[in-house]
Amino acid sequence: MPKGQIEHANLTVTDPDRSAALFEKLLDWHERWRGPAMLGGETIHVGDERTYLALYTNSDASGGYAKGVPLNHVGLLVDDLDAAEKVVIEAGLKPFSHADYEPGRRFYFFDWDGIEFEVVSYG
């Protein structure tokens, strides 16, 4: 049976540079690639050697997504939840729904475009 993992998620954002800077600081990631998207617009790939977020924008990107449309949230795993929360707050974003249940502690935040993220730590 095949074994796999999520390799990337492609998210439409209004300011890919701002979003990339957040994930670089929050997850100790780096910019893997940037350039024109196949169907117009621009994309930045930010991540590590195995996983990344493709942060796409074009002239129609408006943000303001409704919760759960089209996805509920993106989960991010960190080794230091308290330090991660400080990064989110320093970016001007508001953590909420703090919880501690198996398999770890977590909080959520919405980015500037209304995309929800869950940040979890198993440590």
PDB file of N, CA and C in Angstrom:
ATOM      1  N   MET A   1       0.839  -1.174   0.000  1.00  0.00           N
ATOM      2  CA  MET A   1       0.000   0.000   0.000  1.00  0.00           C
ATOM      3  C   MET A   1       0.889   1.244   0.000  1.00  0.00           C
ATOM      4  N   PRO A   2       0.567   2.266  -0.802  1.00  0.00           N
ATOM      5  CA  PRO A   2       1.377   3.482  -0.830  1.00  0.00           C
ATOM      6  C   PRO A   2       1.338   4.227   0.501  1.00  0.00           C
ATOM      7  N   LYS A   3       2.401   4.951   0.760  1.00  0.00           N
ATOM      8  CA  LYS A   3       2.483   5.814   1.935  1.00  0.00           C
ATOM      9  C   LYS A   3       2.720   7.229   1.446  1.00  0.00           C
ATOM     10  N   GLY A   4       2.110   8.214   2.089  1.00  0.00           N
ATOM     11  CA  GLY A   4       2.277   9.571   1.592  1.00  0.00           C
ATOM     12  C   GLY A   4       2.152  10.620   2.678  1.00  0.00           C
ATOM     13  N   GLN A   5       2.237  11.860   2.249  1.00  0.00           N
ATOM     14  CA  GLN A   5       2.081  13.014   3.131  1.00  0.00           C
ATOM     15  C   GLN A   5       1.636  14.187   2.271  1.00  0.00           C
ATOM     16  N   ILE A   6       1.150  15.238   2.886  1.00  0.00           N
ATOM     17  CA  ILE A   6       0.832  16.439   2.131  1.00  0.00           C
ATOM     18  C   ILE A   6       2.142  17.105   1.741  1.00  0.00           C
ATOM     19  N   GLU A   7       2.305  17.374   0.469  1.00  0.00           N
ATOM     20  CA  GLU A   7       3.518  17.998  -0.030  1.00  0.00           C
ATOM     21  C   GLU A   7       3.382  19.518  -0.034  1.00  0.00           C
ATOM     22  N   HIS A   8       2.209  20.026  -0.436  1.00  0.00           N
ATOM     23  CA  HIS A   8       1.974  21.463  -0.371  1.00  0.00           C
ATOM     24  C   HIS A   8       0.485  21.754  -0.405  1.00  0.00           C
ATOM     25  N   ALA A   9       0.158  22.961  -0.002  1.00  0.00           N
ATOM     26  CA  ALA A   9      -1.185  23.516  -0.158  1.00  0.00           C
ATOM     27  C   ALA A   9      -1.021  24.842  -0.875  1.00  0.00           C
ATOM     28  N   ASN A  10      -1.937  25.142  -1.781  1.00  0.00           N
ATOM     29  CA  ASN A  10      -1.881  26.371  -2.564  1.00  0.00           C
ATOM     30  C   ASN A  10      -3.003  27.282  -2.070  1.00  0.00           C
ATOM     31  N   LEU A  11      -2.639  28.425  -1.502  1.00  0.00           N
ATOM     32  CA  LEU A  11      -3.596  29.356  -0.919  1.00  0.00           C
ATOM     33  C   LEU A  11      -3.565  30.682  -1.667  1.00  0.00           C
ATOM     34  N   THR A  12      -4.731  31.236  -1.955  1.00  0.00           N
ATOM     35  CA  THR A  12      -4.811  32.561  -2.570  1.00  0.00           C
ATOM     36  C   THR A  12      -4.819  33.603  -1.464  1.00  0.00           C
ATOM     37  N   VAL A  13      -3.860  34.506  -1.514  1.00  0.00           N
ATOM     38  CA  VAL A  13      -3.714  35.565  -0.513  1.00  0.00           C
ATOM     39  C   VAL A  13      -3.575  36.913  -1.227  1.00  0.00           C
ATOM     40  N   THR A  14      -3.825  37.983  -0.502  1.00  0.00           N
ATOM     41  CA  THR A  14      -3.721  39.302  -1.120  1.00  0.00           C
ATOM     42  C   THR A  14      -2.294  39.838  -1.135  1.00  0.00           C
ATOM     43  N   ASP A  15      -1.446  39.374  -0.210  1.00  0.00           N
ATOM     44  CA  ASP A  15      -0.075  39.867  -0.121  1.00  0.00           C
ATOM     45  C   ASP A  15       0.854  38.687   0.185  1.00  0.00           C
ATOM     46  N   PRO A  16       1.333  37.988  -0.843  1.00  0.00           N
ATOM     47  CA  PRO A  16       2.155  36.806  -0.604  1.00  0.00           C
ATOM     48  C   PRO A  16       3.469  37.092   0.124  1.00  0.00           C
ATOM     49  N   ASP A  17       4.037  38.280  -0.069  1.00  0.00           N
ATOM     50  CA  ASP A  17       5.271  38.603   0.654  1.00  0.00           C
ATOM     51  C   ASP A  17       5.009  38.672   2.159  1.00  0.00           C
ATOM     52  N   ARG A  18       3.913  39.302   2.549  1.00  0.00           N
ATOM     53  CA  ARG A  18       3.555  39.407   3.967  1.00  0.00           C
ATOM     54  C   ARG A  18       3.284  38.022   4.545  1.00  0.00           C
ATOM     55  N   SER A  19       2.536  37.204   3.822  1.00  0.00           N
ATOM     56  CA  SER A  19       2.236  35.854   4.299  1.00  0.00           C
ATOM     57  C   SER A  19       3.499  35.008   4.388  1.00  0.00           C
ATOM     58  N   ALA A  20       4.359  35.093   3.394  1.00  0.00           N
ATOM     59  CA  ALA A  20       5.609  34.324   3.411  1.00  0.00           C
ATOM     60  C   ALA A  20       6.463  34.717   4.606  1.00  0.00           C
ATOM     61  N   ALA A  21       6.550  36.013   4.901  1.00  0.00           N
ATOM     62  CA  ALA A  21       7.341  36.476   6.050  1.00  0.00           C
ATOM     63  C   ALA A  21       6.803  35.892   7.352  1.00  0.00           C
ATOM     64  N   LEU A  22       5.480  35.812   7.490  1.00  0.00           N
ATOM     65  CA  LEU A  22       4.893  35.220   8.694  1.00  0.00           C
ATOM     66  C   LEU A  22       5.294  33.759   8.827  1.00  0.00           C
ATOM     67  N   PHE A  23       5.141  32.965   7.773  1.00  0.00           N
ATOM     68  CA  PHE A  23       5.444  31.538   7.870  1.00  0.00           C
ATOM     69  C   PHE A  23       6.941  31.273   8.009  1.00  0.00           C
ATOM     70  N   GLU A  24       7.776  32.125   7.435  1.00  0.00           N
ATOM     71  CA  GLU A  24       9.216  31.987   7.634  1.00  0.00           C
ATOM     72  C   GLU A  24       9.567  32.145   9.110  1.00  0.00           C
ATOM     73  N   LYS A  25       8.976  33.134   9.762  1.00  0.00           N
ATOM     74  CA  LYS A  25       9.270  33.380  11.175  1.00  0.00           C
ATOM     75  C   LYS A  25       8.575  32.371  12.085  1.00  0.00           C
ATOM     76  N   LEU A  26       7.334  32.045  11.786  1.00  0.00           N
ATOM     77  CA  LEU A  26       6.543  31.144  12.616  1.00  0.00           C
ATOM     78  C   LEU A  26       7.054  29.713  12.579  1.00  0.00           C
ATOM     79  N   LEU A  27       7.519  29.257  11.412  1.00  0.00           N
ATOM     80  CA  LEU A  27       7.858  27.844  11.231  1.00  0.00           C
ATOM     81  C   LEU A  27       9.328  27.606  10.900  1.00  0.00           C
ATOM     82  N   ASP A  28      10.147  28.656  10.928  1.00  0.00           N
ATOM     83  CA  ASP A  28      11.555  28.546  10.540  1.00  0.00           C
ATOM     84  C   ASP A  28      11.685  27.987   9.121  1.00  0.00           C
ATOM     85  N   TRP A  29      10.812  28.458   8.241  1.00  0.00           N
ATOM     86  CA  TRP A  29      10.828  28.062   6.840  1.00  0.00           C
ATOM     87  C   TRP A  29      11.625  29.070   6.035  1.00  0.00           C
ATOM     88  N   HIS A  30      11.792  28.766   4.754  1.00  0.00           N
ATOM     89  CA  HIS A  30      12.484  29.674   3.846  1.00  0.00           C
ATOM     90  C   HIS A  30      11.737  29.711   2.504  1.00  0.00           C
ATOM     91  N   GLU A  31      12.033  30.728   1.745  1.00  0.00           N
ATOM     92  CA  GLU A  31      11.459  30.820   0.408  1.00  0.00           C
ATOM     93  C   GLU A  31      12.132  29.789  -0.488  1.00  0.00           C
ATOM     94  N   ARG A  32      11.336  28.912  -1.068  1.00  0.00           N
ATOM     95  CA  ARG A  32      11.849  27.874  -1.972  1.00  0.00           C
ATOM     96  C   ARG A  32      11.848  28.326  -3.420  1.00  0.00           C
ATOM     97  N   TRP A  33      10.853  29.141  -3.778  1.00  0.00           N
ATOM     98  CA  TRP A  33      10.711  29.574  -5.167  1.00  0.00           C
ATOM     99  C   TRP A  33       9.729  30.725  -5.218  1.00  0.00           C
ATOM    100  N   ARG A  34       9.873  31.579  -6.215  1.00  0.00           N
ATOM    101  CA  ARG A  34       8.873  32.599  -6.501  1.00  0.00           C
ATOM    102  C   ARG A  34       8.894  32.858  -7.990  1.00  0.00           C
ATOM    103  N   GLY A  35       7.727  33.244  -8.512  1.00  0.00           N
ATOM    104  CA  GLY A  35       7.658  33.563  -9.924  1.00  0.00           C
ATOM    105  C   GLY A  35       6.234  33.634 -10.414  1.00  0.00           C
ATOM    106  N   PRO A  36       6.096  33.792 -11.727  1.00  0.00           N
ATOM    107  CA  PRO A  36       4.764  33.882 -12.314  1.00  0.00           C
ATOM    108  C   PRO A  36       4.033  32.547 -12.220  1.00  0.00           C
ATOM    109  N   ALA A  37       2.727  32.620 -11.956  1.00  0.00           N
ATOM    110  CA  ALA A  37       1.895  31.420 -11.916  1.00  0.00           C
ATOM    111  C   ALA A  37       1.515  31.026 -13.345  1.00  0.00           C
ATOM    112  N   MET A  38       1.205  29.762 -13.531  1.00  0.00           N
ATOM    113  CA  MET A  38       0.906  29.253 -14.871  1.00  0.00           C
ATOM    114  C   MET A  38      -0.258  29.979 -15.540  1.00  0.00           C
ATOM    115  N   LEU A  39      -1.272  30.348 -14.770  1.00  0.00           N
ATOM    116  CA  LEU A  39      -2.466  30.967 -15.352  1.00  0.00           C
ATOM    117  C   LEU A  39      -2.564  32.456 -15.020  1.00  0.00           C
ATOM    118  N   GLY A  40      -1.427  33.092 -14.781  1.00  0.00           N
ATOM    119  CA  GLY A  40      -1.403  34.508 -14.429  1.00  0.00           C
ATOM    120  C   GLY A  40      -1.233  34.684 -12.940  1.00  0.00           C
ATOM    121  N   GLY A  41      -0.842  35.871 -12.546  1.00  0.00           N
ATOM    122  CA  GLY A  41      -0.588  36.137 -11.137  1.00  0.00           C
ATOM    123  C   GLY A  41       0.811  35.711 -10.732  1.00  0.00           C
ATOM    124  N   GLU A  42       1.071  35.771  -9.447  1.00  0.00           N
ATOM    125  CA  GLU A  42       2.393  35.466  -8.891  1.00  0.00           C
ATOM    126  C   GLU A  42       2.246  34.470  -7.744  1.00  0.00           C
ATOM    127  N   THR A  43       3.288  33.682  -7.510  1.00  0.00           N
ATOM    128  CA  THR A  43       3.287  32.688  -6.439  1.00  0.00           C
ATOM    129  C   THR A  43       4.623  32.703  -5.716  1.00  0.00           C
ATOM    130  N   ILE A  44       4.577  32.522  -4.396  1.00  0.00           N
ATOM    131  CA  ILE A  44       5.767  32.291  -3.587  1.00  0.00           C
ATOM    132  C   ILE A  44       5.591  30.936  -2.914  1.00  0.00           C
ATOM    133  N   HIS A  45       6.584  30.079  -3.015  1.00  0.00           N
ATOM    134  CA  HIS A  45       6.598  28.817  -2.288  1.00  0.00           C
ATOM    135  C   HIS A  45       7.471  29.019  -1.050  1.00  0.00           C
ATOM    136  N   VAL A  46       6.894  28.840   0.138  1.00  0.00           N
ATOM    137  CA  VAL A  46       7.632  28.984   1.382  1.00  0.00           C
ATOM    138  C   VAL A  46       7.446  27.705   2.184  1.00  0.00           C
ATOM    139  N   GLY A  47       8.567  27.135   2.659  1.00  0.00           N
ATOM    140  CA  GLY A  47       8.492  25.880   3.394  1.00  0.00           C
ATOM    141  C   GLY A  47       9.862  25.362   3.753  1.00  0.00           C
ATOM    142  N   ASP A  48       9.949  24.036   3.881  1.00  0.00           N
ATOM    143  CA  ASP A  48      11.235  23.387   4.112  1.00  0.00           C
ATOM    144  C   ASP A  48      11.506  22.468   2.922  1.00  0.00           C
ATOM    145  N   GLU A  49      12.369  21.501   3.089  1.00  0.00           N
ATOM    146  CA  GLU A  49      12.746  20.650   1.960  1.00  0.00           C
ATOM    147  C   GLU A  49      11.648  19.672   1.560  1.00  0.00           C
ATOM    148  N   ARG A  50      10.687  19.415   2.450  1.00  0.00           N
ATOM    149  CA  ARG A  50       9.655  18.416   2.167  1.00  0.00           C
ATOM    150  C   ARG A  50       8.256  18.993   1.990  1.00  0.00           C
ATOM    151  N   THR A  51       7.955  20.099   2.630  1.00  0.00           N
ATOM    152  CA  THR A  51       6.590  20.612   2.690  1.00  0.00           C
ATOM    153  C   THR A  51       6.609  22.123   2.472  1.00  0.00           C
ATOM    154  N   TYR A  52       5.564  22.632   1.833  1.00  0.00           N
ATOM    155  CA  TYR A  52       5.511  24.084   1.645  1.00  0.00           C
ATOM    156  C   TYR A  52       4.086  24.558   1.434  1.00  0.00           C
ATOM    157  N   LEU A  53       3.917  25.861   1.548  1.00  0.00           N
ATOM    158  CA  LEU A  53       2.702  26.542   1.151  1.00  0.00           C
ATOM    159  C   LEU A  53       3.009  27.341  -0.109  1.00  0.00           C
ATOM    160  N   ALA A  54       2.154  27.199  -1.110  1.00  0.00           N
ATOM    161  CA  ALA A  54       2.228  28.022  -2.308  1.00  0.00           C
ATOM    162  C   ALA A  54       1.287  29.194  -2.062  1.00  0.00           C
ATOM    163  N   LEU A  55       1.828  30.378  -1.985  1.00  0.00           N
ATOM    164  CA  LEU A  55       1.061  31.584  -1.687  1.00  0.00           C
ATOM    165  C   LEU A  55       0.851  32.341  -2.992  1.00  0.00           C
ATOM    166  N   TYR A  56      -0.359  32.245  -3.504  1.00  0.00           N
ATOM    167  CA  TYR A  56      -0.698  32.751  -4.834  1.00  0.00           C
ATOM    168  C   TYR A  56      -1.497  34.041  -4.742  1.00  0.00           C
ATOM    169  N   THR A  57      -1.268  34.935  -5.675  1.00  0.00           N
ATOM    170  CA  THR A  57      -2.100  36.137  -5.789  1.00  0.00           C
ATOM    171  C   THR A  57      -2.261  36.513  -7.249  1.00  0.00           C
ATOM    172  N   ASN A  58      -3.348  37.207  -7.525  1.00  0.00           N
ATOM    173  CA  ASN A  58      -3.581  37.811  -8.837  1.00  0.00           C
ATOM    174  C   ASN A  58      -4.443  39.043  -8.629  1.00  0.00           C
ATOM    175  N   SER A  59      -4.821  39.695  -9.693  1.00  0.00           N
ATOM    176  CA  SER A  59      -5.580  40.942  -9.555  1.00  0.00           C
ATOM    177  C   SER A  59      -6.982  40.725  -8.988  1.00  0.00           C
ATOM    178  N   ASP A  60      -7.482  39.497  -8.983  1.00  0.00           N
ATOM    179  CA  ASP A  60      -8.804  39.195  -8.433  1.00  0.00           C
ATOM    180  C   ASP A  60      -8.760  38.798  -6.957  1.00  0.00           C
ATOM    181  N   ALA A  61      -7.570  38.595  -6.385  1.00  0.00           N
ATOM    182  CA  ALA A  61      -7.467  38.171  -4.984  1.00  0.00           C
ATOM    183  C   ALA A  61      -7.984  39.279  -4.081  1.00  0.00           C
ATOM    184  N   SER A  62      -9.010  38.967  -3.293  1.00  0.00           N
ATOM    185  CA  SER A  62      -9.615  40.003  -2.460  1.00  0.00           C
ATOM    186  C   SER A  62      -9.619  39.659  -0.975  1.00  0.00           C
ATOM    187  N   GLY A  63      -9.279  38.418  -0.596  1.00  0.00           N
ATOM    188  CA  GLY A  63      -9.298  38.036   0.812  1.00  0.00           C
ATOM    189  C   GLY A  63     -10.707  38.064   1.365  1.00  0.00           C
ATOM    190  N   GLY A  64     -10.821  38.190   2.681  1.00  0.00           N
ATOM    191  CA  GLY A  64     -12.124  38.246   3.320  1.00  0.00           C
ATOM    192  C   GLY A  64     -12.894  36.948   3.232  1.00  0.00           C
ATOM    193  N   TYR A  65     -12.183  35.817   3.222  1.00  0.00           N
ATOM    194  CA  TYR A  65     -12.833  34.519   3.102  1.00  0.00           C
ATOM    195  C   TYR A  65     -13.700  34.229   4.317  1.00  0.00           C
ATOM    196  N   ALA A  66     -14.804  33.568   4.101  1.00  0.00           N
ATOM    197  CA  ALA A  66     -15.685  33.157   5.200  1.00  0.00           C
ATOM    198  C   ALA A  66     -15.133  31.889   5.835  1.00  0.00           C
ATOM    199  N   LYS A  67     -15.297  31.744   7.153  1.00  0.00           N
ATOM    200  CA  LYS A  67     -14.821  30.553   7.855  1.00  0.00           C
ATOM    201  C   LYS A  67     -15.418  29.303   7.222  1.00  0.00           C
ATOM    202  N   GLY A  68     -14.554  28.350   6.941  1.00  0.00           N
ATOM    203  CA  GLY A  68     -14.996  27.088   6.374  1.00  0.00           C
ATOM    204  C   GLY A  68     -15.183  27.102   4.867  1.00  0.00           C
ATOM    205  N   VAL A  69     -14.832  28.213   4.205  1.00  0.00           N
ATOM    206  CA  VAL A  69     -14.995  28.300   2.756  1.00  0.00           C
ATOM    207  C   VAL A  69     -13.644  28.603   2.130  1.00  0.00           C
ATOM    208  N   PRO A  70     -13.061  27.738   1.383  1.00  0.00           N
ATOM    209  CA  PRO A  70     -13.515  26.397   1.066  1.00  0.00           C
ATOM    210  C   PRO A  70     -12.990  25.340   2.037  1.00  0.00           C
ATOM    211  N   LEU A  71     -12.142  25.729   2.980  1.00  0.00           N
ATOM    212  CA  LEU A  71     -11.595  24.754   3.919  1.00  0.00           C
ATOM    213  C   LEU A  71     -11.789  25.254   5.343  1.00  0.00           C
ATOM    214  N   ASN A  72     -11.724  24.350   6.300  1.00  0.00           N
ATOM    215  CA  ASN A  72     -11.927  24.742   7.693  1.00  0.00           C
ATOM    216  C   ASN A  72     -10.690  25.415   8.273  1.00  0.00           C
ATOM    217  N   HIS A  73      -9.538  24.791   8.169  1.00  0.00           N
ATOM    218  CA  HIS A  73      -8.286  25.407   8.609  1.00  0.00           C
ATOM    219  C   HIS A  73      -7.113  24.600   8.085  1.00  0.00           C
ATOM    220  N   VAL A  74      -5.931  25.197   8.182  1.00  0.00           N
ATOM    221  CA  VAL A  74      -4.673  24.535   7.861  1.00  0.00           C
ATOM    222  C   VAL A  74      -3.957  24.310   9.180  1.00  0.00           C
ATOM    223  N   GLY A  75      -3.545  23.080   9.462  1.00  0.00           N
ATOM    224  CA  GLY A  75      -2.847  22.759  10.699  1.00  0.00           C
ATOM    225  C   GLY A  75      -1.348  22.897  10.537  1.00  0.00           C
ATOM    226  N   LEU A  76      -0.716  23.561  11.514  1.00  0.00           N
ATOM    227  CA  LEU A  76       0.733  23.780  11.512  1.00  0.00           C
ATOM    228  C   LEU A  76       1.312  23.211  12.798  1.00  0.00           C
ATOM    229  N   LEU A  77       2.340  22.396  12.697  1.00  0.00           N
ATOM    230  CA  LEU A  77       2.987  21.782  13.853  1.00  0.00           C
ATOM    231  C   LEU A  77       4.239  22.566  14.216  1.00  0.00           C
ATOM    232  N   VAL A  78       4.350  22.961  15.493  1.00  0.00           N
ATOM    233  CA  VAL A  78       5.526  23.688  15.981  1.00  0.00           C
ATOM    234  C   VAL A  78       6.083  22.983  17.209  1.00  0.00           C
ATOM    235  N   ASP A  79       7.353  23.271  17.521  1.00  0.00           N
ATOM    236  CA  ASP A  79       7.951  22.666  18.711  1.00  0.00           C
ATOM    237  C   ASP A  79       7.804  23.542  19.952  1.00  0.00           C
ATOM    238  N   ASP A  80       7.457  24.813  19.784  1.00  0.00           N
ATOM    239  CA  ASP A  80       7.294  25.731  20.916  1.00  0.00           C
ATOM    240  C   ASP A  80       6.043  26.576  20.682  1.00  0.00           C
ATOM    241  N   LEU A  81       4.937  26.161  21.280  1.00  0.00           N
ATOM    242  CA  LEU A  81       3.655  26.820  21.057  1.00  0.00           C
ATOM    243  C   LEU A  81       3.652  28.254  21.577  1.00  0.00           C
ATOM    244  N   ASP A  82       4.269  28.492  22.721  1.00  0.00           N
ATOM    245  CA  ASP A  82       4.290  29.841  23.287  1.00  0.00           C
ATOM    246  C   ASP A  82       5.064  30.805  22.390  1.00  0.00           C
ATOM    247  N   ALA A  83       6.203  30.365  21.867  1.00  0.00           N
ATOM    248  CA  ALA A  83       6.983  31.212  20.960  1.00  0.00           C
ATOM    249  C   ALA A  83       6.206  31.459  19.664  1.00  0.00           C
ATOM    250  N   ALA A  84       5.508  30.446  19.188  1.00  0.00           N
ATOM    251  CA  ALA A  84       4.706  30.600  17.969  1.00  0.00           C
ATOM    252  C   ALA A  84       3.591  31.615  18.182  1.00  0.00           C
ATOM    253  N   GLU A  85       2.959  31.583  19.347  1.00  0.00           N
ATOM    254  CA  GLU A  85       1.889  32.527  19.623  1.00  0.00           C
ATOM    255  C   GLU A  85       2.420  33.961  19.632  1.00  0.00           C
ATOM    256  N   LYS A  86       3.619  34.161  20.153  1.00  0.00           N
ATOM    257  CA  LYS A  86       4.222  35.497  20.155  1.00  0.00           C
ATOM    258  C   LYS A  86       4.436  35.998  18.731  1.00  0.00           C
ATOM    259  N   VAL A  87       4.862  35.119  17.830  1.00  0.00           N
ATOM    260  CA  VAL A  87       5.059  35.512  16.426  1.00  0.00           C
ATOM    261  C   VAL A  87       3.739  35.960  15.814  1.00  0.00           C
ATOM    262  N   VAL A  88       2.677  35.205  16.086  1.00  0.00           N
ATOM    263  CA  VAL A  88       1.356  35.538  15.543  1.00  0.00           C
ATOM    264  C   VAL A  88       0.901  36.905  16.079  1.00  0.00           C
ATOM    265  N   ILE A  89       1.063  37.127  17.370  1.00  0.00           N
ATOM    266  CA  ILE A  89       0.659  38.399  17.974  1.00  0.00           C
ATOM    267  C   ILE A  89       1.492  39.548  17.418  1.00  0.00           C
ATOM    268  N   GLU A  90       2.812  39.345  17.286  1.00  0.00           N
ATOM    269  CA  GLU A  90       3.688  40.395  16.745  1.00  0.00           C
ATOM    270  C   GLU A  90       3.310  40.761  15.312  1.00  0.00           C
ATOM    271  N   ALA A  91       2.699  39.814  14.589  1.00  0.00           N
ATOM    272  CA  ALA A  91       2.260  40.079  13.217  1.00  0.00           C
ATOM    273  C   ALA A  91       0.934  40.840  13.191  1.00  0.00           C
ATOM    274  N   GLY A  92       0.377  41.105  14.384  1.00  0.00           N
ATOM    275  CA  GLY A  92      -0.879  41.834  14.467  1.00  0.00           C
ATOM    276  C   GLY A  92      -2.108  40.953  14.337  1.00  0.00           C
ATOM    277  N   LEU A  93      -1.924  39.654  14.469  1.00  0.00           N
ATOM    278  CA  LEU A  93      -3.027  38.709  14.364  1.00  0.00           C
ATOM    279  C   LEU A  93      -3.440  38.249  15.759  1.00  0.00           C
ATOM    280  N   LYS A  94      -4.658  37.706  15.892  1.00  0.00           N
ATOM    281  CA  LYS A  94      -5.211  37.397  17.214  1.00  0.00           C
ATOM    282  C   LYS A  94      -5.431  35.900  17.402  1.00  0.00           C
ATOM    283  N   PRO A  95      -4.636  35.265  18.269  1.00  0.00           N
ATOM    284  CA  PRO A  95      -4.863  33.863  18.598  1.00  0.00           C
ATOM    285  C   PRO A  95      -6.173  33.690  19.375  1.00  0.00           C
ATOM    286  N   PHE A  96      -6.822  32.534  19.196  1.00  0.00           N
ATOM    287  CA  PHE A  96      -8.052  32.238  19.925  1.00  0.00           C
ATOM    288  C   PHE A  96      -8.203  30.724  20.089  1.00  0.00           C
ATOM    289  N   SER A  97      -9.195  30.326  20.836  1.00  0.00           N
ATOM    290  CA  SER A  97      -9.536  28.906  21.058  1.00  0.00           C
ATOM    291  C   SER A  97      -8.336  28.081  21.519  1.00  0.00           C
ATOM    292  N   HIS A  98      -7.660  28.565  22.529  1.00  0.00           N
ATOM    293  CA  HIS A  98      -6.562  27.811  23.116  1.00  0.00           C
ATOM    294  C   HIS A  98      -7.116  26.538  23.757  1.00  0.00           C
ATOM    295  N   ALA A  99      -6.434  25.428  23.555  1.00  0.00           N
ATOM    296  CA  ALA A  99      -6.911  24.168  24.118  1.00  0.00           C
ATOM    297  C   ALA A  99      -5.725  23.249  24.387  1.00  0.00           C
ATOM    298  N   ASP A 100      -5.933  22.328  25.297  1.00  0.00           N
ATOM    299  CA  ASP A 100      -4.918  21.331  25.641  1.00  0.00           C
ATOM    300  C   ASP A 100      -5.607  19.985  25.767  1.00  0.00           C
ATOM    301  N   TYR A 101      -5.557  19.199  24.704  1.00  0.00           N
ATOM    302  CA  TYR A 101      -6.118  17.851  24.695  1.00  0.00           C
ATOM    303  C   TYR A 101      -5.303  17.005  23.736  1.00  0.00           C
ATOM    304  N   GLU A 102      -5.416  15.703  23.872  1.00  0.00           N
ATOM    305  CA  GLU A 102      -4.622  14.800  23.027  1.00  0.00           C
ATOM    306  C   GLU A 102      -4.882  15.093  21.560  1.00  0.00           C
ATOM    307  N   PRO A 103      -3.843  15.182  20.751  1.00  0.00           N
ATOM    308  CA  PRO A 103      -2.466  14.833  21.073  1.00  0.00           C
ATOM    309  C   PRO A 103      -1.576  16.005  21.470  1.00  0.00           C
ATOM    310  N   GLY A 104      -2.128  17.210  21.732  1.00  0.00           N
ATOM    311  CA  GLY A 104      -1.245  18.315  22.120  1.00  0.00           C
ATOM    312  C   GLY A 104      -1.996  19.602  22.382  1.00  0.00           C
ATOM    313  N   ARG A 105      -1.215  20.621  22.748  1.00  0.00           N
ATOM    314  CA  ARG A 105      -1.755  21.967  22.961  1.00  0.00           C
ATOM    315  C   ARG A 105      -1.910  22.668  21.622  1.00  0.00           C
ATOM    316  N   ARG A 106      -2.841  23.649  21.563  1.00  0.00           N
ATOM    317  CA  ARG A 106      -3.098  24.316  20.300  1.00  0.00           C
ATOM    318  C   ARG A 106      -3.760  25.665  20.487  1.00  0.00           C
ATOM    319  N   PHE A 107      -3.704  26.455  19.441  1.00  0.00           N
ATOM    320  CA  PHE A 107      -4.509  27.664  19.317  1.00  0.00           C
ATOM    321  C   PHE A 107      -4.778  27.869  17.831  1.00  0.00           C
ATOM    322  N   TYR A 108      -5.677  28.780  17.548  1.00  0.00           N
ATOM    323  CA  TYR A 108      -6.061  29.090  16.177  1.00  0.00           C
ATOM    324  C   TYR A 108      -5.852  30.581  15.920  1.00  0.00           C
ATOM    325  N   PHE A 109      -5.733  30.947  14.650  1.00  0.00           N
ATOM    326  CA  PHE A 109      -5.745  32.360  14.257  1.00  0.00           C
ATOM    327  C   PHE A 109      -6.205  32.469  12.816  1.00  0.00           C
ATOM    328  N   PHE A 110      -6.752  33.627  12.482  1.00  0.00           N
ATOM    329  CA  PHE A 110      -7.075  33.961  11.108  1.00  0.00           C
ATOM    330  C   PHE A 110      -5.981  34.875  10.588  1.00  0.00           C
ATOM    331  N   ASP A 111      -5.539  34.630   9.341  1.00  0.00           N
ATOM    332  CA  ASP A 111      -4.573  35.552   8.747  1.00  0.00           C
ATOM    333  C   ASP A 111      -5.314  36.780   8.235  1.00  0.00           C
ATOM    334  N   TRP A 112      -4.618  37.645   7.549  1.00  0.00           N
ATOM    335  CA  TRP A 112      -5.174  38.905   7.074  1.00  0.00           C
ATOM    336  C   TRP A 112      -6.276  38.706   6.040  1.00  0.00           C
ATOM    337  N   ASP A 113      -6.303  37.542   5.404  1.00  0.00           N
ATOM    338  CA  ASP A 113      -7.289  37.261   4.358  1.00  0.00           C
ATOM    339  C   ASP A 113      -8.468  36.437   4.854  1.00  0.00           C
ATOM    340  N   GLY A 114      -8.470  36.086   6.156  1.00  0.00           N
ATOM    341  CA  GLY A 114      -9.565  35.293   6.703  1.00  0.00           C
ATOM    342  C   GLY A 114      -9.329  33.794   6.632  1.00  0.00           C
ATOM    343  N   ILE A 115      -8.112  33.361   6.265  1.00  0.00           N
ATOM    344  CA  ILE A 115      -7.778  31.933   6.246  1.00  0.00           C
ATOM    345  C   ILE A 115      -7.450  31.519   7.675  1.00  0.00           C
ATOM    346  N   GLU A 116      -8.083  30.440   8.147  1.00  0.00           N
ATOM    347  CA  GLU A 116      -7.875  29.988   9.522  1.00  0.00           C
ATOM    348  C   GLU A 116      -6.738  28.975   9.582  1.00  0.00           C
ATOM    349  N   PHE A 117      -5.897  29.144  10.615  1.00  0.00           N
ATOM    350  CA  PHE A 117      -4.787  28.227  10.867  1.00  0.00           C
ATOM    351  C   PHE A 117      -4.895  27.700  12.292  1.00  0.00           C
ATOM    352  N   GLU A 118      -4.587  26.426  12.465  1.00  0.00           N
ATOM    353  CA  GLU A 118      -4.452  25.822  13.783  1.00  0.00           C
ATOM    354  C   GLU A 118      -2.967  25.585  14.003  1.00  0.00           C
ATOM    355  N   VAL A 119      -2.450  26.044  15.136  1.00  0.00           N
ATOM    356  CA  VAL A 119      -1.049  25.820  15.487  1.00  0.00           C
ATOM    357  C   VAL A 119      -1.038  24.878  16.666  1.00  0.00           C
ATOM    358  N   VAL A 120      -0.344  23.752  16.519  1.00  0.00           N
ATOM    359  CA  VAL A 120      -0.352  22.694  17.524  1.00  0.00           C
ATOM    360  C   VAL A 120       1.068  22.297  17.885  1.00  0.00           C
ATOM    361  N   SER A 121       1.262  21.900  19.142  1.00  0.00           N
ATOM    362  CA  SER A 121       2.547  21.396  19.614  1.00  0.00           C
ATOM    363  C   SER A 121       2.306  20.123  20.392  1.00  0.00           C
ATOM    364  N   TYR A 122       3.072  19.092  20.096  1.00  0.00           N
ATOM    365  CA  TYR A 122       2.952  17.821  20.795  1.00  0.00           C
ATOM    366  C   TYR A 122       3.899  17.722  21.974  1.00  0.00           C
ATOM    367  N   GLY A 123       4.777  18.746  22.141  1.00  0.00           N
ATOM    368  CA  GLY A 123       5.794  18.689  23.192  1.00  0.00           C
ATOM    369  C   GLY A 123       5.341  19.213  24.516  1.00  0.00           C
TER     370      GLY A 123
END
